[in-house]
């Protein structure tokens, strides 16, 4: 089973469009009406939906590290710094992750892009 993605509110439309053209299962925070949630609540929402959260937000790294340290489960975080990765590389790497892995592979994990 492929890894489903949950896209943070600040992810460019070009990345979302590119992933959808590749057939990747994703939901955006805007589509889910959660664009204004706090970082912990957004990560909770992604976890409830069993989707890895893709973000450019450094604060979500802090939240993921806190949960790892405290043993609080989450569905996984995939992080990229927006100035250090191109849209094309983002799409390619997220497609690889989504198609090559299983949801259990990312539980309580943080993955950094580019791969």
Protein backbone atom coordinates (compact mmCIF):
# COMPACT_ATOMS: atom_id res chain seq x y z
CA UNK A 1 0.00 0.00 0.00
CA UNK A 2 1.41 3.40 -0.99
CA UNK A 3 2.04 6.22 1.44
CA UNK A 4 -0.69 8.86 1.38
CA UNK A 5 0.39 12.48 1.87
CA UNK A 6 -1.03 15.44 3.76
CA UNK A 7 0.25 18.75 2.41
CA UNK A 8 0.88 21.67 4.76
CA UNK A 9 -0.76 24.98 3.86
CA UNK A 10 2.41 26.56 2.45
CA UNK A 11 3.23 23.96 -0.18
CA UNK A 12 3.24 25.48 -3.70
CA UNK A 13 0.42 24.50 -6.03
CA UNK A 14 2.99 23.32 -8.61
CA UNK A 15 4.15 20.55 -6.26
CA UNK A 16 0.59 19.46 -5.56
CA UNK A 17 -0.29 19.49 -9.26
CA UNK A 18 2.86 17.56 -10.16
CA UNK A 19 2.14 14.88 -7.58
CA UNK A 20 -1.45 14.54 -8.67
CA UNK A 21 -0.31 14.12 -12.28
CA UNK A 22 1.80 11.21 -11.00
CA UNK A 23 -1.25 9.67 -9.32
CA UNK A 24 -0.10 10.31 -5.74
CA UNK A 25 -2.83 10.20 -3.08
CA UNK A 26 -2.75 13.54 -1.28
CA UNK A 27 -4.92 15.99 0.60
CA UNK A 28 -4.01 19.62 1.20
CA UNK A 29 -4.65 21.48 4.43
CA UNK A 30 -6.76 23.93 2.43
CA UNK A 31 -8.97 21.15 1.06
CA UNK A 32 -9.35 19.74 4.58
CA UNK A 33 -10.15 23.19 6.03
CA UNK A 34 -7.21 22.94 8.43
CA UNK A 35 -4.89 25.60 7.00
CA UNK A 36 -5.12 27.67 10.18
CA UNK A 37 -4.52 24.87 12.69
CA UNK A 38 -1.56 24.97 15.06
CA UNK A 39 1.36 22.70 14.19
CA UNK A 40 0.48 20.08 16.84
CA UNK A 41 -3.15 20.01 15.69
CA UNK A 42 -2.12 19.74 12.03
CA UNK A 43 0.17 16.81 12.79
CA UNK A 44 -2.65 15.21 14.81
CA UNK A 45 -5.00 15.61 11.84
CA UNK A 46 -2.53 14.02 9.43
CA UNK A 47 -2.06 11.16 11.88
CA UNK A 48 -5.81 10.58 12.26
CA UNK A 49 -6.02 10.38 8.46
CA UNK A 50 -2.96 8.05 8.39
CA UNK A 51 -1.07 10.40 6.07
CA UNK A 52 2.52 11.58 6.25
CA UNK A 53 2.68 15.36 6.59
CA UNK A 54 4.81 17.19 4.01
CA UNK A 55 5.98 20.61 5.13
CA UNK A 56 8.42 23.46 4.65
CA UNK A 57 7.80 24.56 8.28
CA UNK A 58 10.77 24.26 10.66
CA UNK A 59 8.40 24.37 13.63
CA UNK A 60 6.94 21.03 12.60
CA UNK A 61 10.42 19.54 12.95
CA UNK A 62 10.43 20.73 16.55
CA UNK A 63 6.98 19.24 17.12
CA UNK A 64 8.02 15.90 15.58
CA UNK A 65 11.19 15.81 17.73
CA UNK A 66 9.11 16.51 20.84
CA UNK A 67 6.77 13.66 20.00
CA UNK A 68 9.66 11.30 19.33
CA UNK A 69 11.22 12.19 22.69
CA UNK A 70 7.92 11.80 24.57
CA UNK A 71 6.80 8.67 22.73
CA UNK A 72 3.74 10.33 21.18
CA UNK A 73 2.97 8.56 17.89
CA UNK A 74 2.52 10.41 14.60
CA UNK A 75 2.15 9.32 10.97
CA UNK A 76 5.46 10.83 9.86
CA UNK A 77 6.84 14.16 8.69
CA UNK A 78 8.56 14.82 5.39
CA UNK A 79 10.47 18.11 5.44
CA UNK A 80 12.15 20.21 2.79
CA UNK A 81 13.64 23.68 3.05
CA UNK A 82 11.96 25.68 0.26
CA UNK A 83 15.16 27.47 -0.75
CA UNK A 84 17.21 24.27 -0.98
CA UNK A 85 15.04 22.15 -3.25
CA UNK A 86 13.44 22.67 -6.63
CA UNK A 87 9.80 21.95 -7.34
CA UNK A 88 10.81 19.16 -9.72
CA UNK A 89 13.06 17.50 -7.15
CA UNK A 90 10.31 17.79 -4.55
CA UNK A 91 7.81 16.08 -6.83
CA UNK A 92 10.28 13.35 -7.79
CA UNK A 93 11.36 12.61 -4.21
CA UNK A 94 7.80 12.63 -2.84
CA UNK A 95 6.70 10.32 -5.64
CA UNK A 96 9.51 7.91 -4.74
CA UNK A 97 8.58 7.98 -1.05
CA UNK A 98 4.86 7.54 -1.73
CA UNK A 99 5.31 4.66 -4.16
CA UNK A 100 8.25 2.82 -2.60
CA UNK A 101 7.14 2.76 1.00
CA UNK A 102 4.36 1.59 3.27
CA UNK A 103 2.64 3.87 5.79
CA UNK A 104 4.26 1.96 8.67
CA UNK A 105 7.70 2.92 7.30
CA UNK A 106 7.16 6.57 8.25
CA UNK A 107 5.45 6.19 11.63
CA UNK A 108 7.29 8.41 14.14
CA UNK A 109 9.90 9.29 11.50
CA UNK A 110 11.16 12.50 9.95
CA UNK A 111 12.44 12.34 6.38
CA UNK A 112 14.43 15.19 4.86
CA UNK A 113 14.36 16.17 1.20
CA UNK A 114 16.17 16.10 -1.12
CA UNK A 115 16.76 12.37 -0.76
